[in-house]
Amino acid sequence: MTDSLLRVGLIGTGRIGQIHGRHIGNHADSVLARIADPYIEGARQLAKGFGSEVTDDPRELIDSGDLDAVVVAAPTPQHVNLIEACVDAGVPVLCEKPIDLDLTRVDGLAAKVAASGVPVAIGFNQRFDPAIAEVHERVANGAIGQLEQLVLVSRDPGPPPADYLAVSGGIFRDMTIHDFDLARFFVGEVVEVSAFGSALFDAGAQQHDDFDTVNVTLRGASGALVSIVNSRHSAYGYDQRLEAFGSEGLLQVANAPASLVHAASAEGVETKAPYVESFLDRYETAYARELTEFYRLVRREAATSPTFQDGQAAQVIADAAHRSAHERRTVRLDS
């Protein structure tokens, strides 16, 4: 590996692929060299601004022999095969979460990834949000003493289409998995999972035996407790909050405002605009920082990118939460 620009390939040009493509193409350390998508027109449209080569065959991109790294933003059912293909080709890969909806497929690939020595990172971008990263660093440095409680709130502005829910694997594997990763990021090993779910308002969730509203409690091996609150709708914008409570204090991450303007009138004072409406807006900086950290991994430098094992561990918690909510029981992970 030299100090020259990294040649990076992108697989998938949907919503996440678009944001990854922009960050790769605009990053000071990389060029968006190749793009693959069976929907070739999507690849061509994204490639216009970066002069990228395009193909409708992801394996052609992986096996091209001229890439330093690959970012996978394809649909979840393709993740395992694409990660394995990158490992076989010796190409470092950053893959969006989850690794797969079937934990047995994830487990089946784990040993090969570990033995290969090929860098594999999983896209838990929220670790790289500046505010969350600052709180994590301050907790690790003892700013609030011993961490006792972690509270994570995530509410989307609105539910996804029903046809997406049909293939998403359910809210715990699709949405809450980010919170499961943050829980491990802060408290380490999770040993117990209690989850509750309801389908209160979303016809798609009701149709596909999923939930639109969930509460989860996790117990860490340290004894620290994690409370997770998720909803598929929020009338006031994208609700993303974190609270770390310890023996000597409290640290919080508040919502990102869409505007810094406050209004006052006869109807009310300190009136503010709703929060940002999209996770792409809320975590724009996090996606950029995630890519920078992945490049350190590609260059075999010290890096904090979430690993394949992190993705696997978050999936274990997601599956346990799914069982807990549907079977209405607590699931222990250390038994």
C-alpha atoms as a PDB file:
ATOM      1  CA  MET A   1       0.000   0.000   0.000  1.00  0.00           C
ATOM      2  CA  THR A   2       1.380   3.389  -1.022  1.00  0.00           C
ATOM      3  CA  ASP A   3       0.501   6.911   0.013  1.00  0.00           C
ATOM      4  CA  SER A   4      -1.267   7.519  -3.301  1.00  0.00           C
ATOM      5  CA  LEU A   5      -5.024   7.895  -3.599  1.00  0.00           C
ATOM      6  CA  LEU A   6      -6.952   4.749  -2.785  1.00  0.00           C
ATOM      7  CA  ARG A   7      -8.901   3.299  -5.701  1.00  0.00           C
ATOM      8  CA  VAL A   8     -12.267   2.341  -4.221  1.00  0.00           C
ATOM      9  CA  GLY A   9     -15.156   0.414  -5.735  1.00  0.00           C
ATOM     10  CA  LEU A  10     -18.811   0.797  -4.741  1.00  0.00           C
ATOM     11  CA  ILE A  11     -21.452  -1.918  -5.011  1.00  0.00           C
ATOM     12  CA  GLY A  12     -25.024  -0.606  -4.861  1.00  0.00           C
ATOM     13  CA  THR A  13     -26.375   2.845  -5.719  1.00  0.00           C
ATOM     14  CA  GLY A  14     -29.508   3.083  -3.592  1.00  0.00           C
ATOM     15  CA  ARG A  15     -29.933   5.668  -0.819  1.00  0.00           C
ATOM     16  CA  ILE A  16     -26.940   4.445   1.187  1.00  0.00           C
ATOM     17  CA  GLY A  17     -24.914   3.804  -1.950  1.00  0.00           C
ATOM     18  CA  GLN A  18     -25.448   7.381  -3.074  1.00  0.00           C
ATOM     19  CA  ILE A  19     -24.081   8.823   0.159  1.00  0.00           C
ATOM     20  CA  HIS A  20     -21.128   6.418   0.208  1.00  0.00           C
ATOM     21  CA  GLY A  21     -20.408   7.238  -3.433  1.00  0.00           C
ATOM     22  CA  ARG A  22     -20.336  10.979  -2.771  1.00  0.00           C
ATOM     23  CA  HIS A  23     -18.045  10.585   0.215  1.00  0.00           C
ATOM     24  CA  ILE A  24     -15.664   8.246  -1.638  1.00  0.00           C
ATOM     25  CA  GLY A  25     -15.531  10.512  -4.666  1.00  0.00           C
ATOM     26  CA  ASN A  26     -15.042  13.693  -2.655  1.00  0.00           C
ATOM     27  CA  HIS A  27     -12.614  12.302  -0.071  1.00  0.00           C
ATOM     28  CA  ALA A  28      -9.073  13.678  -0.128  1.00  0.00           C
ATOM     29  CA  ASP A  29      -7.615  10.158   0.079  1.00  0.00           C
ATOM     30  CA  SER A  30      -9.641   8.267  -2.547  1.00  0.00           C
ATOM     31  CA  VAL A  31     -11.157   8.119  -5.992  1.00  0.00           C
ATOM     32  CA  LEU A  32     -14.424   6.384  -6.844  1.00  0.00           C
ATOM     33  CA  ALA A  33     -12.831   4.138  -9.452  1.00  0.00           C
ATOM     34  CA  ARG A  34     -15.600   1.609 -10.144  1.00  0.00           C
ATOM     35  CA  ILE A  35     -19.327   1.283  -9.489  1.00  0.00           C
ATOM     36  CA  ALA A  36     -21.425  -1.867  -9.804  1.00  0.00           C
ATOM     37  CA  ASP A  37     -25.196  -2.180  -9.730  1.00  0.00           C
ATOM     38  CA  PRO A  38     -27.533  -4.569 -11.609  1.00  0.00           C
ATOM     39  CA  TYR A  39     -29.569  -1.408 -12.179  1.00  0.00           C
ATOM     40  CA  ILE A  40     -26.889  -0.087 -14.488  1.00  0.00           C
ATOM     41  CA  GLU A  41     -28.540   3.299 -15.009  1.00  0.00           C
ATOM     42  CA  GLY A  42     -28.142   4.030 -11.294  1.00  0.00           C
ATOM     43  CA  ALA A  43     -24.429   3.290 -11.582  1.00  0.00           C
ATOM     44  CA  ARG A  44     -24.106   5.494 -14.661  1.00  0.00           C
ATOM     45  CA  GLN A  45     -25.862   8.426 -13.020  1.00  0.00           C
ATOM     46  CA  LEU A  46     -23.613   8.315  -9.946  1.00  0.00           C
ATOM     47  CA  ALA A  47     -20.487   7.841 -12.086  1.00  0.00           C
ATOM     48  CA  LYS A  48     -21.085  11.035 -14.079  1.00  0.00           C
ATOM     49  CA  GLY A  49     -19.560  13.295 -11.462  1.00  0.00           C
ATOM     50  CA  PHE A  50     -16.516  11.125 -10.776  1.00  0.00           C
ATOM     51  CA  GLY A  51     -15.493   9.499 -14.058  1.00  0.00           C
ATOM     52  CA  SER A  52     -15.996   6.019 -12.598  1.00  0.00           C
ATOM     53  CA  GLU A  53     -16.138   2.833 -14.639  1.00  0.00           C
ATOM     54  CA  VAL A  54     -19.487   1.045 -14.341  1.00  0.00           C
ATOM     55  CA  THR A  55     -20.734  -2.518 -14.567  1.00  0.00           C
ATOM     56  CA  ASP A  56     -23.888  -4.449 -13.736  1.00  0.00           C
ATOM     57  CA  ASP A  57     -21.809  -7.315 -12.289  1.00  0.00           C
ATOM     58  CA  PRO A  58     -20.410  -6.867  -8.746  1.00  0.00           C
ATOM     59  CA  ARG A  59     -18.030  -9.803  -9.198  1.00  0.00           C
ATOM     60  CA  GLU A  60     -16.455  -8.064 -12.197  1.00  0.00           C
ATOM     61  CA  LEU A  61     -15.750  -5.070  -9.942  1.00  0.00           C
ATOM     62  CA  ILE A  62     -14.295  -7.200  -7.114  1.00  0.00           C
ATOM     63  CA  ASP A  63     -12.134  -9.283  -9.442  1.00  0.00           C
ATOM     64  CA  SER A  64     -10.879  -6.306 -11.472  1.00  0.00           C
ATOM     65  CA  GLY A  65      -7.521  -6.433  -9.706  1.00  0.00           C
ATOM     66  CA  ASP A  66      -7.091  -2.652  -9.634  1.00  0.00           C
ATOM     67  CA  LEU A  67      -8.988  -1.713  -6.454  1.00  0.00           C
ATOM     68  CA  ASP A  68      -7.596  -1.004  -2.993  1.00  0.00           C
ATOM     69  CA  ALA A  69     -10.966  -1.369  -1.263  1.00  0.00           C
ATOM     70  CA  VAL A  70     -14.664  -2.005  -1.838  1.00  0.00           C
ATOM     71  CA  VAL A  71     -17.723  -0.519  -0.129  1.00  0.00           C
ATOM     72  CA  VAL A  72     -20.819  -2.745  -0.205  1.00  0.00           C
ATOM     73  CA  ALA A  73     -24.175  -0.953  -0.136  1.00  0.00           C
ATOM     74  CA  ALA A  74     -26.135  -3.713  -1.896  1.00  0.00           C
ATOM     75  CA  PRO A  75     -29.327  -5.304  -0.466  1.00  0.00           C
ATOM     76  CA  THR A  76     -28.747  -7.328   2.710  1.00  0.00           C
ATOM     77  CA  PRO A  77     -29.254 -10.799   1.149  1.00  0.00           C
ATOM     78  CA  GLN A  78     -26.152 -10.165  -1.002  1.00  0.00           C
ATOM     79  CA  HIS A  79     -23.829  -9.105   1.832  1.00  0.00           C
ATOM     80  CA  VAL A  80     -22.393 -12.488   2.829  1.00  0.00           C
ATOM     81  CA  ASN A  81     -21.569 -13.498  -0.752  1.00  0.00           C
ATOM     82  CA  LEU A  82     -19.998 -10.125  -1.527  1.00  0.00           C
ATOM     83  CA  ILE A  83     -17.912 -10.049   1.654  1.00  0.00           C
ATOM     84  CA  GLU A  84     -16.701 -13.572   0.896  1.00  0.00           C
ATOM     85  CA  ALA A  85     -15.834 -12.596  -2.678  1.00  0.00           C
ATOM     86  CA  CYS A  86     -13.803  -9.625  -1.413  1.00  0.00           C
ATOM     87  CA  VAL A  87     -11.995 -11.828   1.099  1.00  0.00           C
ATOM     88  CA  ASP A  88     -11.218 -14.375  -1.653  1.00  0.00           C
ATOM     89  CA  ALA A  89      -9.844 -11.563  -3.811  1.00  0.00           C
ATOM     90  CA  GLY A  90      -7.828 -10.086  -0.928  1.00  0.00           C
ATOM     91  CA  VAL A  91      -9.657  -6.743  -1.149  1.00  0.00           C
ATOM     92  CA  PRO A  92     -10.554  -4.871   2.086  1.00  0.00           C
ATOM     93  CA  VAL A  93     -14.287  -4.279   2.375  1.00  0.00           C
ATOM     94  CA  LEU A  94     -16.656  -2.011   4.274  1.00  0.00           C
ATOM     95  CA  CYS A  95     -20.136  -3.565   4.242  1.00  0.00           C
ATOM     96  CA  GLU A  96     -23.392  -2.011   5.365  1.00  0.00           C
ATOM     97  CA  LYS A  97     -25.262  -3.626   8.243  1.00  0.00           C
ATOM     98  CA  PRO A  98     -26.630  -6.174   8.904  1.00  0.00           C
ATOM     99  CA  ILE A  99     -24.226  -8.805   7.598  1.00  0.00           C
ATOM    100  CA  ASP A 100     -27.182 -11.099   6.870  1.00  0.00           C
ATOM    101  CA  LEU A 101     -30.669 -11.813   8.198  1.00  0.00           C
ATOM    102  CA  ASP A 102     -29.710 -15.431   8.948  1.00  0.00           C
ATOM    103  CA  LEU A 103     -27.210 -15.690  11.789  1.00  0.00           C
ATOM    104  CA  THR A 104     -26.082 -19.142  10.654  1.00  0.00           C
ATOM    105  CA  ARG A 105     -24.762 -17.614   7.422  1.00  0.00           C
ATOM    106  CA  VAL A 106     -22.911 -14.963   9.412  1.00  0.00           C
ATOM    107  CA  ASP A 107     -21.422 -17.593  11.711  1.00  0.00           C
ATOM    108  CA  GLY A 108     -20.456 -19.685   8.696  1.00  0.00           C
ATOM    109  CA  LEU A 109     -18.323 -16.891   7.263  1.00  0.00           C
ATOM    110  CA  ALA A 110     -16.740 -15.713  10.519  1.00  0.00           C
ATOM    111  CA  ALA A 111     -13.835 -18.192  10.636  1.00  0.00           C
ATOM    112  CA  LYS A 112     -12.887 -17.515   7.019  1.00  0.00           C
ATOM    113  CA  VAL A 113     -12.842 -13.764   7.581  1.00  0.00           C
ATOM    114  CA  ALA A 114     -10.739 -14.123  10.726  1.00  0.00           C
ATOM    115  CA  ALA A 115      -8.227 -16.461   9.062  1.00  0.00           C
ATOM    116  CA  SER A 116      -7.899 -14.386   5.893  1.00  0.00           C
ATOM    117  CA  GLY A 117      -6.281 -11.317   7.398  1.00  0.00           C
ATOM    118  CA  VAL A 118      -8.295  -9.210   4.928  1.00  0.00           C
ATOM    119  CA  PRO A 119      -9.703  -6.107   6.651  1.00  0.00           C
ATOM    120  CA  VAL A 120     -13.514  -6.316   6.926  1.00  0.00           C
ATOM    121  CA  ALA A 121     -15.487  -3.443   8.485  1.00  0.00           C
ATOM    122  CA  ILE A 122     -19.227  -3.210   9.130  1.00  0.00           C
ATOM    123  CA  GLY A 123     -21.169   0.021   8.633  1.00  0.00           C
ATOM    124  CA  PHE A 124     -22.185   1.015  12.148  1.00  0.00           C
ATOM    125  CA  ASN A 125     -21.708   4.662  11.286  1.00  0.00           C
ATOM    126  CA  GLN A 126     -23.293   6.072  14.443  1.00  0.00           C
ATOM    127  CA  ARG A 127     -20.095   5.298  16.374  1.00  0.00           C
ATOM    128  CA  PHE A 128     -18.495   8.064  14.321  1.00  0.00           C
ATOM    129  CA  ASP A 129     -21.053  10.781  15.025  1.00  0.00           C
ATOM    130  CA  PRO A 130     -18.942  13.546  16.652  1.00  0.00           C
ATOM    131  CA  ALA A 131     -21.221  13.964  19.665  1.00  0.00           C
ATOM    132  CA  ILE A 132     -21.594  10.236  20.322  1.00  0.00           C
ATOM    133  CA  ALA A 133     -17.850   9.710  19.865  1.00  0.00           C
ATOM    134  CA  GLU A 134     -17.126  12.527  22.347  1.00  0.00           C
ATOM    135  CA  VAL A 135     -19.458  11.041  24.967  1.00  0.00           C
ATOM    136  CA  HIS A 136     -17.894   7.603  24.461  1.00  0.00           C
ATOM    137  CA  GLU A 137     -14.395   9.018  24.923  1.00  0.00           C
ATOM    138  CA  ARG A 138     -15.393  10.936  28.045  1.00  0.00           C
ATOM    139  CA  VAL A 139     -17.091   7.873  29.543  1.00  0.00           C
ATOM    140  CA  ALA A 140     -14.009   5.770  28.792  1.00  0.00           C
ATOM    141  CA  ASN A 141     -11.834   8.410  30.497  1.00  0.00           C
ATOM    142  CA  GLY A 142     -13.946   8.271  33.659  1.00  0.00           C
ATOM    143  CA  ALA A 143     -15.713  11.621  33.310  1.00  0.00           C
ATOM    144  CA  ILE A 144     -18.910  10.268  34.903  1.00  0.00           C
ATOM    145  CA  GLY A 145     -17.345   7.554  37.035  1.00  0.00           C
ATOM    146  CA  GLN A 146     -18.663   4.033  36.541  1.00  0.00           C
ATOM    147  CA  LEU A 147     -21.240   3.792  33.743  1.00  0.00           C
ATOM    148  CA  GLU A 148     -24.476   2.477  35.251  1.00  0.00           C
ATOM    149  CA  GLN A 149     -27.214   3.271  32.728  1.00  0.00           C
ATOM    150  CA  LEU A 150     -27.264   3.996  29.000  1.00  0.00           C
ATOM    151  CA  VAL A 151     -30.448   5.271  27.337  1.00  0.00           C
ATOM    152  CA  LEU A 152     -30.782   5.244  23.536  1.00  0.00           C
ATOM    153  CA  VAL A 153     -33.771   6.820  21.767  1.00  0.00           C
ATOM    154  CA  SER A 154     -34.309   6.385  18.023  1.00  0.00           C
ATOM    155  CA  ARG A 155     -37.561   7.300  16.290  1.00  0.00           C
ATOM    156  CA  ASP A 156     -37.849   7.557  12.503  1.00  0.00           C
ATOM    157  CA  PRO A 157     -39.997  10.284  10.922  1.00  0.00           C
ATOM    158  CA  GLY A 158     -42.154   7.606   9.246  1.00  0.00           C
ATOM    159  CA  PRO A 159     -42.308   3.869   8.534  1.00  0.00           C
ATOM    160  CA  PRO A 160     -40.706   2.367   5.429  1.00  0.00           C
ATOM    161  CA  PRO A 161     -42.806   0.858   2.609  1.00  0.00           C
ATOM    162  CA  ALA A 162     -44.504  -2.468   3.334  1.00  0.00           C
ATOM    163  CA  ASP A 163     -42.558  -4.208   0.554  1.00  0.00           C
ATOM    164  CA  TYR A 164     -39.316  -3.196   2.301  1.00  0.00           C
ATOM    165  CA  LEU A 165     -40.551  -4.509   5.639  1.00  0.00           C
ATOM    166  CA  ALA A 166     -41.268  -7.847   3.959  1.00  0.00           C
ATOM    167  CA  VAL A 167     -37.525  -8.390   3.358  1.00  0.00           C
ATOM    168  CA  SER A 168     -35.999  -6.293   6.169  1.00  0.00           C
ATOM    169  CA  GLY A 169     -35.774  -9.078   8.741  1.00  0.00           C
ATOM    170  CA  GLY A 170     -37.846  -7.069  11.208  1.00  0.00           C
ATOM    171  CA  ILE A 171     -37.273  -3.915  13.225  1.00  0.00           C
ATOM    172  CA  PHE A 172     -34.633  -5.433  15.542  1.00  0.00           C
ATOM    173  CA  ARG A 173     -32.346  -6.546  12.677  1.00  0.00           C
ATOM    174  CA  ASP A 174     -33.039  -3.521  10.497  1.00  0.00           C
ATOM    175  CA  MET A 175     -33.324  -0.540  12.854  1.00  0.00           C
ATOM    176  CA  THR A 176     -32.500  -1.427  16.459  1.00  0.00           C
ATOM    177  CA  ILE A 177     -29.276  -3.151  15.403  1.00  0.00           C
ATOM    178  CA  HIS A 178     -27.600   0.286  15.408  1.00  0.00           C
ATOM    179  CA  ASP A 179     -28.577   0.666  19.060  1.00  0.00           C
ATOM    180  CA  PHE A 180     -27.329  -2.837  19.835  1.00  0.00           C
ATOM    181  CA  ASP A 181     -23.950  -1.882  18.408  1.00  0.00           C
ATOM    182  CA  LEU A 182     -23.879   1.354  20.417  1.00  0.00           C
ATOM    183  CA  ALA A 183     -24.795  -0.629  23.531  1.00  0.00           C
ATOM    184  CA  ARG A 184     -21.765  -2.885  23.015  1.00  0.00           C
ATOM    185  CA  PHE A 185     -19.638   0.159  22.146  1.00  0.00           C
ATOM    186  CA  PHE A 186     -20.387   1.642  25.569  1.00  0.00           C
ATOM    187  CA  VAL A 187     -20.933  -1.285  27.960  1.00  0.00           C
ATOM    188  CA  GLY A 188     -19.091  -4.167  26.277  1.00  0.00           C
ATOM    189  CA  GLU A 189     -20.456  -7.697  26.418  1.00  0.00           C
ATOM    190  CA  VAL A 190     -24.258  -8.025  26.648  1.00  0.00           C
ATOM    191  CA  VAL A 191     -25.537 -11.024  28.614  1.00  0.00           C
ATOM    192  CA  GLU A 192     -29.306 -10.560  28.854  1.00  0.00           C
ATOM    193  CA  VAL A 193     -32.025  -9.232  26.526  1.00  0.00           C
ATOM    194  CA  SER A 194     -35.647  -8.309  27.291  1.00  0.00           C
ATOM    195  CA  ALA A 195     -37.653  -6.851  24.421  1.00  0.00           C
ATOM    196  CA  PHE A 196     -41.232  -5.717  24.007  1.00  0.00           C
ATOM    197  CA  GLY A 197     -42.887  -4.809  20.729  1.00  0.00           C
ATOM    198  CA  SER A 198     -46.219  -3.577  19.426  1.00  0.00           C
ATOM    199  CA  ALA A 199     -47.692  -2.841  16.011  1.00  0.00           C
ATOM    200  CA  LEU A 200     -49.725   0.244  16.880  1.00  0.00           C
ATOM    201  CA  PHE A 201     -50.029   2.269  13.695  1.00  0.00           C
ATOM    202  CA  ASP A 202     -48.173   0.800  10.701  1.00  0.00           C
ATOM    203  CA  ALA A 203     -50.181  -1.486   8.420  1.00  0.00           C
ATOM    204  CA  GLY A 204     -46.958  -2.861   6.934  1.00  0.00           C
ATOM    205  CA  ALA A 205     -45.702  -3.984  10.330  1.00  0.00           C
ATOM    206  CA  GLN A 206     -49.071  -5.575  11.077  1.00  0.00           C
ATOM    207  CA  GLN A 207     -49.110  -7.325   7.702  1.00  0.00           C
ATOM    208  CA  HIS A 208     -45.616  -8.796   8.106  1.00  0.00           C
ATOM    209  CA  ASP A 209     -45.781  -9.758  11.808  1.00  0.00           C
ATOM    210  CA  ASP A 210     -43.339  -7.017  12.706  1.00  0.00           C
ATOM    211  CA  PHE A 211     -43.373  -4.182  15.239  1.00  0.00           C
ATOM    212  CA  ASP A 212     -43.467  -0.416  14.775  1.00  0.00           C
ATOM    213  CA  THR A 213     -42.841   0.359  18.450  1.00  0.00           C
ATOM    214  CA  VAL A 214     -40.272  -1.393  20.665  1.00  0.00           C
ATOM    215  CA  ASN A 215     -38.644  -1.069  24.077  1.00  0.00           C
ATOM    216  CA  VAL A 216     -35.555  -3.159  24.871  1.00  0.00           C
ATOM    217  CA  THR A 217     -33.577  -3.605  28.070  1.00  0.00           C
ATOM    218  CA  LEU A 218     -30.067  -5.061  27.930  1.00  0.00           C
ATOM    219  CA  ARG A 219     -27.857  -6.130  30.815  1.00  0.00           C
ATOM    220  CA  GLY A 220     -24.108  -5.871  30.326  1.00  0.00           C
ATOM    221  CA  ALA A 221     -21.627  -8.274  31.854  1.00  0.00           C
ATOM    222  CA  SER A 222     -20.546  -5.345  34.048  1.00  0.00           C
ATOM    223  CA  GLY A 223     -24.101  -5.034  35.386  1.00  0.00           C
ATOM    224  CA  ALA A 224     -24.736  -1.786  33.489  1.00  0.00           C
ATOM    225  CA  LEU A 225     -28.247  -1.520  32.043  1.00  0.00           C
ATOM    226  CA  VAL A 226     -29.153  -0.243  28.578  1.00  0.00           C
ATOM    227  CA  SER A 227     -32.648   1.051  27.731  1.00  0.00           C
ATOM    228  CA  ILE A 228     -33.551   1.331  24.047  1.00  0.00           C
ATOM    229  CA  VAL A 229     -36.671   3.105  22.760  1.00  0.00           C
ATOM    230  CA  ASN A 230     -37.570   2.821  19.057  1.00  0.00           C
ATOM    231  CA  SER A 231     -40.516   3.944  16.970  1.00  0.00           C
ATOM    232  CA  ARG A 232     -41.192   3.913  13.243  1.00  0.00           C
ATOM    233  CA  HIS A 233     -42.779   7.376  13.381  1.00  0.00           C
ATOM    234  CA  SER A 234     -42.132  10.778  14.938  1.00  0.00           C
ATOM    235  CA  ALA A 235     -44.279  13.816  14.164  1.00  0.00           C
ATOM    236  CA  TYR A 236     -41.489  16.248  15.096  1.00  0.00           C
ATOM    237  CA  GLY A 237     -38.652  14.852  12.962  1.00  0.00           C
ATOM    238  CA  TYR A 238     -35.829  12.330  13.313  1.00  0.00           C
ATOM    239  CA  ASP A 239     -35.516  11.706  17.063  1.00  0.00           C
ATOM    240  CA  GLN A 240     -31.990  10.584  18.025  1.00  0.00           C
ATOM    241  CA  ARG A 241     -30.841  10.942  21.634  1.00  0.00           C
ATOM    242  CA  LEU A 242     -28.333   9.318  23.974  1.00  0.00           C
ATOM    243  CA  GLU A 243     -27.876   9.533  27.720  1.00  0.00           C
ATOM    244  CA  ALA A 244     -24.989   8.037  29.673  1.00  0.00           C
ATOM    245  CA  PHE A 245     -25.489   8.056  33.451  1.00  0.00           C
ATOM    246  CA  GLY A 246     -22.719   7.176  35.871  1.00  0.00           C
ATOM    247  CA  SER A 247     -21.754   7.266  39.509  1.00  0.00           C
ATOM    248  CA  GLU A 248     -20.382  10.799  39.175  1.00  0.00           C
ATOM    249  CA  GLY A 249     -22.510  12.454  36.533  1.00  0.00           C
ATOM    250  CA  LEU A 250     -24.438  12.457  33.296  1.00  0.00           C
ATOM    251  CA  LEU A 251     -23.606  13.014  29.616  1.00  0.00           C
ATOM    252  CA  GLN A 252     -26.265  13.562  26.942  1.00  0.00           C
ATOM    253  CA  VAL A 253     -26.488  13.851  23.174  1.00  0.00           C
ATOM    254  CA  ALA A 254     -29.445  15.977  22.070  1.00  0.00           C
ATOM    255  CA  ASN A 255     -31.327  16.024  18.790  1.00  0.00           C
ATOM    256  CA  ALA A 256     -29.953  17.883  15.786  1.00  0.00           C
ATOM    257  CA  PRO A 257     -32.098  20.942  14.991  1.00  0.00           C
ATOM    258  CA  ALA A 258     -33.133  21.718  11.434  1.00  0.00           C
ATOM    259  CA  SER A 259     -32.754  25.411  12.268  1.00  0.00           C
ATOM    260  CA  LEU A 260     -31.011  27.421  14.984  1.00  0.00           C
ATOM    261  CA  VAL A 261     -33.744  30.110  14.872  1.00  0.00           C
ATOM    262  CA  HIS A 262     -36.080  30.443  17.868  1.00  0.00           C
ATOM    263  CA  ALA A 263     -39.319  32.411  17.540  1.00  0.00           C
ATOM    264  CA  ALA A 264     -41.412  34.249  20.129  1.00  0.00           C
ATOM    265  CA  SER A 265     -44.955  35.565  19.693  1.00  0.00           C
ATOM    266  CA  ALA A 266     -48.335  35.677  21.390  1.00  0.00           C
ATOM    267  CA  GLU A 267     -48.776  32.014  20.425  1.00  0.00           C
ATOM    268  CA  GLY A 268     -45.648  30.884  22.254  1.00  0.00           C
ATOM    269  CA  VAL A 269     -42.031  31.575  23.143  1.00  0.00           C
ATOM    270  CA  GLU A 270     -38.839  29.648  22.366  1.00  0.00           C
ATOM    271  CA  THR A 271     -40.680  28.099  19.407  1.00  0.00           C
ATOM    272  CA  LYS A 272     -38.281  26.034  17.282  1.00  0.00           C
ATOM    273  CA  ALA A 273     -38.456  24.161  14.000  1.00  0.00           C
ATOM    274  CA  PRO A 274     -38.819  20.357  14.000  1.00  0.00           C
ATOM    275  CA  TYR A 275     -35.673  18.222  14.007  1.00  0.00           C
ATOM    276  CA  VAL A 276     -33.951  17.103  10.803  1.00  0.00           C
ATOM    277  CA  GLU A 277     -36.084  14.692   8.792  1.00  0.00           C
ATOM    278  CA  SER A 278     -33.548  12.166   7.521  1.00  0.00           C
ATOM    279  CA  PHE A 279     -30.867   9.893   8.944  1.00  0.00           C
ATOM    280  CA  LEU A 280     -28.774  10.933   5.926  1.00  0.00           C
ATOM    281  CA  ASP A 281     -28.820  14.519   7.221  1.00  0.00           C
ATOM    282  CA  ARG A 282     -28.401  13.624  10.896  1.00  0.00           C
ATOM    283  CA  TYR A 283     -25.429  11.326  10.277  1.00  0.00           C
ATOM    284  CA  GLU A 284     -23.817  12.998   7.256  1.00  0.00           C
ATOM    285  CA  THR A 285     -20.619  13.720   9.187  1.00  0.00           C
ATOM    286  CA  ALA A 286     -20.636  10.242  10.721  1.00  0.00           C
ATOM    287  CA  TYR A 287     -20.603   8.619   7.272  1.00  0.00           C
ATOM    288  CA  ALA A 288     -17.598  10.727   6.274  1.00  0.00           C
ATOM    289  CA  ARG A 289     -15.684   9.897   9.461  1.00  0.00           C
ATOM    290  CA  GLU A 290     -16.575   6.218   9.088  1.00  0.00           C
ATOM    291  CA  LEU A 291     -14.947   6.218   5.644  1.00  0.00           C
ATOM    292  CA  THR A 292     -11.805   7.955   6.916  1.00  0.00           C
ATOM    293  CA  GLU A 293     -11.412   5.335   9.636  1.00  0.00           C
ATOM    294  CA  PHE A 294     -11.957   2.526   7.122  1.00  0.00           C
ATOM    295  CA  TYR A 295      -9.144   3.949   4.995  1.00  0.00           C
ATOM    296  CA  ARG A 296      -6.814   3.645   7.996  1.00  0.00           C
ATOM    297  CA  LEU A 297      -7.805  -0.005   8.180  1.00  0.00           C
ATOM    298  CA  VAL A 298      -7.137  -0.430   4.457  1.00  0.00           C
ATOM    299  CA  ARG A 299      -3.669   1.065   4.913  1.00  0.00           C
ATOM    300  CA  ARG A 300      -3.066  -1.380   7.800  1.00  0.00           C
ATOM    301  CA  GLU A 301      -2.882   1.445  10.307  1.00  0.00           C
ATOM    302  CA  ALA A 302      -4.445   1.416  13.788  1.00  0.00           C
ATOM    303  CA  ALA A 303      -8.186   1.864  13.256  1.00  0.00           C
ATOM    304  CA  THR A 304     -11.433   1.756  15.240  1.00  0.00           C
ATOM    305  CA  SER A 305     -13.701   0.511  12.454  1.00  0.00           C
ATOM    306  CA  PRO A 306     -16.400  -1.908  13.676  1.00  0.00           C
ATOM    307  CA  THR A 307     -15.271  -5.399  12.721  1.00  0.00           C
ATOM    308  CA  PHE A 308     -17.009  -8.442  11.277  1.00  0.00           C
ATOM    309  CA  GLN A 309     -17.117  -9.741  14.868  1.00  0.00           C
ATOM    310  CA  ASP A 310     -18.923  -6.552  15.942  1.00  0.00           C
ATOM    311  CA  GLY A 311     -21.502  -7.135  13.227  1.00  0.00           C
ATOM    312  CA  GLN A 312     -21.872 -10.744  14.303  1.00  0.00           C
ATOM    313  CA  ALA A 313     -22.308  -9.794  17.979  1.00  0.00           C
ATOM    314  CA  ALA A 314     -24.943  -7.154  17.188  1.00  0.00           C
ATOM    315  CA  GLN A 315     -26.797  -9.751  15.114  1.00  0.00           C
ATOM    316  CA  VAL A 316     -26.801 -12.159  18.076  1.00  0.00           C
ATOM    317  CA  ILE A 317     -28.457  -9.471  20.211  1.00  0.00           C
ATOM    318  CA  ALA A 318     -30.951  -8.646  17.435  1.00  0.00           C
ATOM    319  CA  ASP A 319     -31.987 -12.287  17.120  1.00  0.00           C
ATOM    320  CA  ALA A 320     -32.325 -12.538  20.903  1.00  0.00           C
ATOM    321  CA  ALA A 321     -34.508  -9.411  20.963  1.00  0.00           C
ATOM    322  CA  HIS A 322     -36.673 -10.853  18.186  1.00  0.00           C
ATOM    323  CA  ARG A 323     -37.177 -14.045  20.204  1.00  0.00           C
ATOM    324  CA  SER A 324     -37.752 -12.135  23.425  1.00  0.00           C
ATOM    325  CA  ALA A 325     -40.472  -9.904  21.950  1.00  0.00           C
ATOM    326  CA  HIS A 326     -42.276 -12.693  20.085  1.00  0.00           C
ATOM    327  CA  GLU A 327     -41.993 -15.281  22.860  1.00  0.00           C
ATOM    328  CA  ARG A 328     -42.503 -12.750  25.646  1.00  0.00           C
ATOM    329  CA  ARG A 329     -39.549 -13.887  27.716  1.00  0.00           C
ATOM    330  CA  THR A 330     -36.082 -12.754  28.692  1.00  0.00           C
ATOM    331  CA  VAL A 331     -33.255 -14.295  26.638  1.00  0.00           C
ATOM    332  CA  ARG A 332     -29.857 -14.888  28.248  1.00  0.00           C
ATOM    333  CA  LEU A 333     -26.785 -14.795  26.040  1.00  0.00           C
ATOM    334  CA  ASP A 334     -24.324 -16.189  28.570  1.00  0.00           C
ATOM    335  CA  SER A 335     -26.075 -19.533  29.160  1.00  0.00           C
END
